[in-house]
Amino acid sequence: MRQPSTRRRFLQCTALAGLTAVAGCTSTDETAQAVPAADAETAPSSTTQTTGTPERTPPESLSEWLTDANGYDGERRRYGIRSRPRVDVGHPTDDGLAFSPPVIEVPPMTTVIWDWTGHGGQHNVVALDGTFDSGRTNAQDGTCYTYLFEETGSYAYVSEPHREDGMKGAVLVREPPSTGYEAVDEWLATSGSFDGTVTDHDGSGPATVTVGAAGNGGNFAFSPPVLRIAPGTTVRWEWTGDGGGHNVVFEDHDIGSDGIDHEPSATFEHTFEADGIYRYYCAPHEAIGQRGAIIVE
């Protein structure tokens, strides 16, 4: 069992003299032990409830344990290097008894921030293996708890007052997928459909990329995410008609489809003549990971 780290904070983020708008969560000690907000000078009166000592045993099967987690659809939200993921504590769905996103994937040395929304009553954030524990429950909107994940692993956690109601979550700490192309790996680090695979075009006819493929919590992916072609190859993007409207917009290049298309008959083509790495995205869904890359060499 992992020993609790001291690199964690339980913070009060309410608007004190305008600090919230400027700096978000505040703290006076980066390496302080988790401190219940009720013990801080600025603690709200609503932070008074303590928890008992329910059993904290990591699940044998994380996927089975998460089947009844509120708000979980089987997808995890992936974050890249140098990100600071934020998880809502008490998301308005499920009567405020949900974490959002419920499952995230981050690289080692990532700090995750849990933000209390004020919905669903008293909450805390407790890892089942004892790795992290925000301590006393809190119902105050604006409260934050942060934890630095240093080691790879799967960290299941709950809000103890609502564990039996399905208020569960997990942080998956994984080394980021790698293609060997640094620019590609950094670009696709937040895409849940990216696993490090590079698909090589066989050289016969145009190469095809599916727009609106399954991924990123719905039909919000390009397939394949990474395509490698020879110079002079034409790539054709073909819409599935799923996932709402999509487009193809290239980063740092004046290439892209016209407008946002919903129809399954929509296509876009471009012939790549020069060697290089061409990064692109779907503008409506870039924030949730709908990105792709073309490698020409």
Protein backbone atom coordinates (compact mmCIF):
# COMPACT_ATOMS: atom_id res chain seq x y z
CA MET A 1 0.00 0.00 0.00
CA ARG A 2 1.30 3.43 -0.93
CA GLN A 3 2.00 5.81 1.96
CA PRO A 4 0.16 9.14 1.90
CA SER A 5 2.27 11.87 0.31
CA THR A 6 2.80 15.24 1.94
CA ARG A 7 2.55 16.96 -1.44
CA ARG A 8 -1.13 17.72 -1.18
CA ARG A 9 -3.24 20.66 -0.18
CA PHE A 10 -6.76 21.27 0.98
CA LEU A 11 -7.49 24.82 0.09
CA GLN A 12 -10.19 27.44 0.36
CA CYS A 13 -10.85 29.23 -2.93
CA THR A 14 -13.68 31.51 -1.96
CA ALA A 15 -13.44 35.12 -3.05
CA LEU A 16 -11.29 36.73 -0.39
CA ALA A 17 -10.45 40.32 -1.31
CA GLY A 18 -10.66 39.41 -5.00
CA LEU A 19 -8.03 36.65 -4.83
CA THR A 20 -10.23 34.07 -6.55
CA ALA A 21 -10.37 35.96 -9.82
CA VAL A 22 -6.63 36.55 -9.77
CA ALA A 23 -5.11 33.32 -8.59
CA GLY A 24 -7.84 30.71 -8.03
CA CYS A 25 -6.85 28.38 -5.19
CA THR A 26 -4.59 29.90 -2.59
CA SER A 27 -2.25 28.35 -0.05
CA THR A 28 0.51 29.44 2.28
CA ASP A 29 2.44 26.16 2.22
CA GLU A 30 3.04 24.06 -0.90
CA THR A 31 3.95 20.93 1.08
CA ALA A 32 1.46 21.18 3.92
CA GLN A 33 -0.52 18.18 5.07
CA ALA A 34 -4.18 18.11 4.11
CA VAL A 35 -5.90 20.64 6.37
CA PRO A 36 -9.68 20.66 6.85
CA ALA A 37 -11.05 24.03 5.79
CA ALA A 38 -12.80 24.30 9.16
CA ASP A 39 -9.37 24.59 10.81
CA ALA A 40 -8.27 27.48 8.59
CA GLU A 41 -8.81 31.10 9.49
CA THR A 42 -11.10 31.62 6.48
CA ALA A 43 -13.10 28.44 6.96
CA PRO A 44 -16.82 28.62 6.15
CA SER A 45 -19.23 27.51 8.84
CA SER A 46 -20.62 24.78 6.56
CA THR A 47 -17.40 22.73 6.87
CA THR A 48 -18.16 20.92 10.07
CA GLN A 49 -19.01 17.33 9.28
CA THR A 50 -16.46 14.60 9.96
CA THR A 51 -16.37 11.13 8.44
CA GLY A 52 -16.11 7.74 10.02
CA THR A 53 -13.63 5.11 8.95
CA PRO A 54 -15.31 3.11 6.17
CA GLU A 55 -13.34 0.34 4.53
CA ARG A 56 -10.80 1.68 2.05
CA THR A 57 -9.82 -1.28 -0.11
CA PRO A 58 -8.74 -0.78 -3.73
CA PRO A 59 -11.04 -2.64 -6.17
CA GLU A 60 -9.71 -5.80 -7.78
CA SER A 61 -11.20 -4.72 -11.10
CA LEU A 62 -11.30 -0.97 -11.68
CA SER A 63 -13.52 -1.29 -14.77
CA GLU A 64 -16.13 -3.32 -12.87
CA TRP A 65 -15.96 -0.99 -9.88
CA LEU A 66 -16.65 2.00 -12.13
CA THR A 67 -19.73 0.52 -13.81
CA ASP A 68 -22.06 2.28 -11.34
CA ALA A 69 -20.00 5.48 -11.05
CA ASN A 70 -22.27 8.46 -11.64
CA GLY A 71 -21.59 10.27 -14.90
CA TYR A 72 -19.21 7.59 -16.23
CA ASP A 73 -19.76 6.51 -19.85
CA GLY A 74 -16.78 4.18 -20.20
CA GLU A 75 -14.44 6.90 -21.51
CA ARG A 76 -11.59 8.61 -19.69
CA ARG A 77 -10.48 12.19 -20.28
CA ARG A 78 -6.79 12.36 -21.14
CA TYR A 79 -4.49 15.25 -20.25
CA GLY A 80 -1.01 16.00 -21.54
CA ILE A 81 2.29 17.02 -20.00
CA ARG A 82 2.26 20.31 -18.06
CA SER A 83 -1.53 20.25 -17.77
CA ARG A 84 -3.40 20.99 -14.52
CA PRO A 85 -6.62 18.95 -14.74
CA ARG A 86 -9.63 20.14 -12.74
CA VAL A 87 -12.36 17.78 -11.50
CA ASP A 88 -15.74 19.10 -10.36
CA VAL A 89 -16.79 17.73 -6.97
CA GLY A 90 -20.59 17.60 -6.92
CA HIS A 91 -21.38 17.94 -10.60
CA PRO A 92 -25.01 19.04 -11.08
CA THR A 93 -25.87 15.74 -12.82
CA ASP A 94 -27.03 12.86 -10.61
CA ASP A 95 -28.32 15.26 -7.94
CA GLY A 96 -24.85 16.68 -7.45
CA LEU A 97 -23.41 13.28 -6.54
CA ALA A 98 -20.82 12.96 -9.29
CA PHE A 99 -17.24 13.82 -10.13
CA SER A 100 -16.74 15.40 -13.55
CA PRO A 101 -14.91 14.07 -15.41
CA PRO A 102 -15.18 10.87 -13.35
CA VAL A 103 -12.10 9.22 -14.89
CA ILE A 104 -9.01 11.07 -16.08
CA GLU A 105 -5.65 9.93 -17.45
CA VAL A 106 -2.56 12.01 -16.69
CA PRO A 107 1.21 11.62 -17.03
CA PRO A 108 3.42 11.33 -13.93
CA MET A 109 4.24 14.57 -12.10
CA THR A 110 0.80 16.04 -12.80
CA THR A 111 -1.11 18.03 -10.18
CA VAL A 112 -4.85 17.36 -10.19
CA ILE A 113 -7.23 19.94 -8.72
CA TRP A 114 -10.65 19.02 -7.30
CA ASP A 115 -13.13 21.93 -7.22
CA TRP A 116 -16.19 21.88 -4.97
CA THR A 117 -19.31 23.13 -6.81
CA GLY A 118 -21.63 23.48 -3.83
CA HIS A 119 -24.02 20.86 -5.24
CA GLY A 120 -24.95 17.59 -3.54
CA GLY A 121 -24.15 18.47 0.08
CA GLN A 122 -21.04 17.39 1.98
CA HIS A 123 -18.18 15.84 0.00
CA ASN A 124 -14.57 14.82 0.36
CA VAL A 125 -12.01 13.13 -1.90
CA VAL A 126 -10.50 9.90 -0.55
CA ALA A 127 -8.30 7.38 -2.39
CA LEU A 128 -9.19 3.78 -1.59
CA ASP A 129 -5.50 2.83 -1.30
CA GLY A 130 -4.75 5.68 1.12
CA THR A 131 -2.65 7.67 -1.34
CA PHE A 132 -4.59 10.91 -0.84
CA ASP A 133 -7.32 12.15 1.48
CA SER A 134 -8.83 15.64 1.59
CA GLY A 135 -9.97 15.00 5.16
CA ARG A 136 -13.12 16.53 6.60
CA THR A 137 -16.14 16.82 4.31
CA ASN A 138 -17.10 20.17 2.86
CA ALA A 139 -20.14 21.66 1.15
CA GLN A 140 -18.70 25.08 0.33
CA ASP A 141 -18.63 26.19 -3.30
CA GLY A 142 -15.09 27.26 -4.22
CA THR A 143 -13.16 24.86 -1.98
CA CYS A 144 -10.22 23.12 -3.67
CA TYR A 145 -8.04 20.11 -2.97
CA THR A 146 -4.88 19.39 -4.98
CA TYR A 147 -2.59 16.37 -5.21
CA LEU A 148 0.64 15.78 -7.15
CA PHE A 149 0.71 12.33 -8.79
CA GLU A 150 4.33 11.20 -9.01
CA GLU A 151 4.02 7.46 -9.73
CA THR A 152 2.21 5.54 -12.44
CA GLY A 153 -0.80 3.55 -11.29
CA SER A 154 -4.58 3.49 -11.05
CA TYR A 155 -6.04 5.49 -8.17
CA ALA A 156 -9.70 4.82 -7.37
CA TYR A 157 -11.36 7.36 -5.08
CA VAL A 158 -14.74 8.26 -3.60
CA SER A 159 -16.65 10.92 -1.74
CA GLU A 160 -17.17 9.01 1.48
CA PRO A 161 -20.64 10.35 2.36
CA HIS A 162 -21.95 9.30 -1.08
CA ARG A 163 -19.86 6.27 -1.98
CA GLU A 164 -22.86 3.94 -1.96
CA ASP A 165 -24.75 6.45 -4.13
CA GLY A 166 -22.19 6.06 -6.92
CA MET A 167 -19.96 9.07 -6.28
CA LYS A 168 -16.79 7.43 -7.53
CA GLY A 169 -13.84 8.43 -9.67
CA ALA A 170 -10.39 7.38 -10.78
CA VAL A 171 -7.10 8.95 -11.78
CA LEU A 172 -5.04 6.83 -14.20
CA VAL A 173 -1.38 7.85 -14.17
CA ARG A 174 0.26 6.60 -17.37
CA GLU A 175 3.33 7.39 -19.43
CA PRO A 176 2.08 9.29 -22.50
CA PRO A 177 1.81 7.35 -25.79
CA SER A 178 4.79 7.86 -28.09
CA THR A 179 5.19 7.72 -31.86
CA GLY A 180 8.80 8.87 -31.85
CA TYR A 181 7.72 12.22 -33.31
CA GLU A 182 7.77 14.73 -30.46
CA ALA A 183 5.55 17.27 -32.22
CA VAL A 184 2.93 14.60 -32.89
CA ASP A 185 3.01 13.21 -29.36
CA GLU A 186 2.57 16.63 -27.76
CA TRP A 187 -0.22 17.55 -30.17
CA LEU A 188 -2.21 14.37 -29.55
CA ALA A 189 -1.51 14.01 -25.82
CA THR A 190 -5.08 15.07 -24.95
CA SER A 191 -6.77 12.80 -27.50
CA GLY A 192 -8.33 9.73 -25.94
CA SER A 193 -8.25 7.87 -29.27
CA PHE A 194 -4.46 8.21 -29.60
CA ASP A 195 -2.42 5.21 -28.44
CA GLY A 196 0.92 5.93 -30.10
CA THR A 197 0.17 4.01 -33.31
CA VAL A 198 1.27 5.45 -36.67
CA THR A 199 -0.76 4.16 -39.62
CA ASP A 200 1.24 3.90 -42.86
CA HIS A 201 -0.50 4.46 -46.19
CA ASP A 202 0.08 1.58 -48.61
CA GLY A 203 0.63 3.94 -51.54
CA SER A 204 -2.40 2.84 -53.57
CA GLY A 205 -4.90 5.60 -54.26
CA PRO A 206 -5.79 8.34 -51.80
CA ALA A 207 -5.37 7.77 -48.07
CA THR A 208 -8.59 7.96 -46.05
CA VAL A 209 -9.31 9.47 -42.64
CA THR A 210 -12.71 9.02 -40.96
CA VAL A 211 -14.26 12.15 -39.43
CA GLY A 212 -16.60 11.49 -36.51
CA ALA A 213 -15.15 8.11 -35.56
CA ALA A 214 -15.77 6.66 -32.09
CA GLY A 215 -13.59 8.22 -29.40
CA ASN A 216 -13.26 10.99 -26.83
CA GLY A 217 -16.59 10.21 -25.18
CA GLY A 218 -18.65 9.84 -28.38
CA ASN A 219 -18.05 10.16 -32.11
CA PHE A 220 -15.45 12.86 -31.66
CA ALA A 221 -12.31 11.39 -33.20
CA PHE A 222 -10.34 11.11 -36.42
CA SER A 223 -9.42 7.59 -37.51
CA PRO A 224 -6.58 6.95 -37.80
CA PRO A 225 -5.34 9.74 -35.53
CA VAL A 226 -1.85 9.60 -37.06
CA LEU A 227 -1.32 8.88 -40.76
CA ARG A 228 2.08 8.63 -42.46
CA ILE A 229 2.25 9.18 -46.23
CA ALA A 230 4.73 9.82 -49.01
CA PRO A 231 5.00 13.25 -50.65
CA GLY A 232 2.47 13.71 -53.43
CA THR A 233 -0.20 11.61 -51.67
CA THR A 234 -3.79 12.82 -51.50
CA VAL A 235 -5.63 12.42 -48.20
CA ARG A 236 -9.43 12.27 -48.19
CA TRP A 237 -11.40 12.97 -45.02
CA GLU A 238 -14.82 11.25 -45.00
CA TRP A 239 -17.61 12.22 -42.59
CA THR A 240 -19.63 9.53 -40.77
CA GLY A 241 -22.51 11.87 -39.95
CA ASP A 242 -22.12 11.01 -36.26
CA GLY A 243 -21.07 13.29 -33.40
CA GLY A 244 -22.69 16.46 -34.72
CA GLY A 245 -20.95 18.92 -37.01
CA HIS A 246 -17.24 18.55 -37.77
CA ASN A 247 -14.61 20.32 -39.80
CA VAL A 248 -10.91 19.90 -40.57
CA VAL A 249 -8.66 22.83 -39.64
CA PHE A 250 -4.86 22.71 -39.87
CA GLU A 251 -2.58 24.31 -37.32
CA ASP A 252 0.08 26.58 -38.87
CA HIS A 253 -1.03 25.82 -42.44
CA ASP A 254 -3.64 27.42 -44.68
CA ILE A 255 -5.44 24.12 -45.23
CA GLY A 256 -8.95 23.18 -44.17
CA SER A 257 -12.48 22.23 -45.10
CA ASP A 258 -15.14 24.83 -45.85
CA GLY A 259 -17.52 25.24 -42.93
CA ILE A 260 -18.86 22.65 -40.50
CA ASP A 261 -20.53 19.59 -42.05
CA HIS A 262 -23.05 17.20 -40.50
CA GLU A 263 -23.81 14.99 -43.52
CA PRO A 264 -22.28 11.52 -43.93
CA SER A 265 -21.64 12.33 -47.61
CA ALA A 266 -19.27 15.20 -46.80
CA THR A 267 -15.62 14.88 -47.85
CA PHE A 268 -12.48 17.01 -47.96
CA GLU A 269 -9.28 16.32 -49.89
CA HIS A 270 -5.78 17.73 -49.92
CA THR A 271 -2.58 16.62 -51.63
CA PHE A 272 0.57 16.93 -49.52
CA GLU A 273 3.67 17.71 -51.58
CA ALA A 274 6.24 18.78 -48.98
CA ASP A 275 7.79 16.73 -46.19
CA GLY A 276 6.74 17.70 -42.69
CA ILE A 277 4.31 17.17 -39.83
CA TYR A 278 0.84 18.57 -40.40
CA ARG A 279 -1.32 18.92 -37.28
CA TYR A 280 -5.07 19.44 -37.52
CA TYR A 281 -8.25 19.47 -35.45
CA CYS A 282 -12.03 19.72 -35.48
CA ALA A 283 -12.84 23.21 -34.20
CA PRO A 284 -16.15 22.31 -32.44
CA HIS A 285 -14.56 19.39 -30.59
CA GLU A 286 -10.87 20.23 -30.19
CA ALA A 287 -11.31 20.83 -26.47
CA ILE A 288 -12.33 17.21 -25.92
CA GLY A 289 -9.49 15.75 -27.99
CA GLN A 290 -10.60 15.60 -31.65
CA ARG A 291 -7.17 16.09 -33.19
CA GLY A 292 -5.08 14.35 -35.83
CA ALA A 293 -1.71 14.49 -37.56
CA ILE A 294 -0.32 13.76 -41.02
CA ILE A 295 3.36 12.81 -41.31
CA VAL A 296 4.79 13.35 -44.81
CA GLU A 297 8.20 11.81 -45.43
